[in-house]
Amino acid sequence: MANIKSQIKRNRQNDGLRLRNKAVNSDLKTSIKKVEAAVAAGEPTDDLMRAAQKKIDIATSKGVLHKKTAARKKSRLAKRASTSASE
């Protein structure tokens, strides 16, 4: 347990940020799983893809994901969705 006042405040801030990051990450994973489930079921994925890409962009803007990680996730997701559409 910290005794220094500034570290006590920093610990409080870290807890809040950790919870926010966890919520953003969880929401992101859920939207990606929805796209993958739609691809597996052979359903149209246009709206789900748009929503998932938006969630990835939001996570990037909040600092949860690195810019290049976000680009990689969007690219792989689009690739999976397009292979199912062409089949």
Protein backbone atom coordinates (compact mmCIF):
# COMPACT_ATOMS: atom_id res chain seq x y z
CA MET A 1 0.00 0.00 0.00
CA ALA A 2 1.37 3.39 -0.97
CA ASN A 3 2.03 6.04 1.68
CA ILE A 4 2.79 8.91 -0.68
CA LYS A 5 -0.20 11.07 -1.49
CA SER A 6 0.57 11.36 -5.20
CA GLN A 7 0.96 7.59 -5.52
CA ILE A 8 -2.36 6.98 -3.77
CA LYS A 9 -4.03 9.26 -6.32
CA ARG A 10 -2.14 7.56 -9.17
CA ASN A 11 -3.39 4.16 -7.98
CA ARG A 12 -6.98 5.46 -8.02
CA GLN A 13 -6.49 6.80 -11.55
CA ASN A 14 -4.95 3.54 -12.72
CA ASP A 15 -7.92 1.57 -11.40
CA GLY A 16 -10.36 3.78 -13.28
CA LEU A 17 -8.36 3.58 -16.49
CA ARG A 18 -7.98 -0.18 -16.17
CA LEU A 19 -11.74 -0.59 -15.87
CA ARG A 20 -12.36 1.68 -18.86
CA ASN A 21 -9.80 -0.19 -20.97
CA LYS A 22 -11.32 -3.51 -19.94
CA ALA A 23 -14.81 -2.35 -20.96
CA VAL A 24 -13.61 -1.04 -24.34
CA ASN A 25 -11.64 -4.24 -25.00
CA SER A 26 -14.56 -6.47 -24.04
CA ASP A 27 -16.94 -4.54 -26.30
CA LEU A 28 -14.42 -4.80 -29.13
CA LYS A 29 -14.00 -8.56 -28.75
CA THR A 30 -17.77 -9.04 -28.68
CA SER A 31 -18.27 -7.15 -31.94
CA ILE A 32 -15.47 -9.12 -33.63
CA LYS A 33 -17.04 -12.41 -32.47
CA LYS A 34 -20.40 -11.30 -33.90
CA VAL A 35 -18.78 -10.78 -37.32
CA GLU A 36 -17.05 -14.16 -37.16
CA ALA A 37 -20.31 -15.87 -36.16
CA ALA A 38 -22.12 -14.24 -39.08
CA VAL A 39 -19.35 -15.35 -41.44
CA ALA A 40 -19.63 -18.92 -40.16
CA ALA A 41 -23.41 -18.87 -40.57
CA GLY A 42 -23.15 -17.43 -44.07
CA GLU A 43 -25.12 -14.31 -43.18
CA PRO A 44 -24.41 -10.81 -44.55
CA THR A 45 -21.77 -9.02 -42.52
CA ASP A 46 -21.89 -5.44 -43.85
CA ASP A 47 -23.47 -3.77 -40.81
CA LEU A 48 -21.57 -5.94 -38.35
CA MET A 49 -18.28 -5.20 -40.11
CA ARG A 50 -18.94 -1.47 -40.01
CA ALA A 51 -19.74 -1.64 -36.30
CA ALA A 52 -16.66 -3.74 -35.53
CA GLN A 53 -14.37 -1.39 -37.45
CA LYS A 54 -15.87 1.55 -35.59
CA LYS A 55 -15.22 -0.17 -32.25
CA ILE A 56 -11.61 -0.84 -33.31
CA ASP A 57 -11.18 2.84 -34.20
CA ILE A 58 -12.68 3.91 -30.88
CA ALA A 59 -10.32 1.58 -28.98
CA THR A 60 -7.40 3.09 -30.90
CA SER A 61 -8.45 6.66 -30.16
CA LYS A 62 -8.76 5.86 -26.44
CA GLY A 63 -5.28 4.33 -26.40
CA VAL A 64 -6.43 0.78 -25.72
CA LEU A 65 -5.00 -0.48 -29.03
CA HIS A 66 -1.91 0.58 -30.91
CA LYS A 67 -2.52 2.08 -34.35
CA LYS A 68 -0.84 -0.78 -36.18
CA THR A 69 -2.62 -3.41 -34.08
CA ALA A 70 -5.93 -1.82 -35.04
CA ALA A 71 -4.97 -1.83 -38.72
CA ARG A 72 -4.02 -5.50 -38.49
CA LYS A 73 -7.28 -6.45 -36.76
CA LYS A 74 -9.40 -4.56 -39.32
CA SER A 75 -7.47 -6.09 -42.21
CA ARG A 76 -7.82 -9.66 -40.93
CA LEU A 77 -11.49 -9.16 -40.16
CA ALA A 78 -12.17 -7.75 -43.63
CA LYS A 79 -10.27 -10.63 -45.18
CA ARG A 80 -12.37 -13.19 -43.30
CA ALA A 81 -15.60 -11.42 -44.24
CA SER A 82 -14.67 -11.13 -47.92
CA THR A 83 -13.70 -14.80 -48.28
CA SER A 84 -17.11 -15.81 -46.96
CA ALA A 85 -18.88 -13.38 -49.31
CA SER A 86 -17.07 -14.75 -52.36
CA GLU A 87 -17.90 -18.38 -51.54
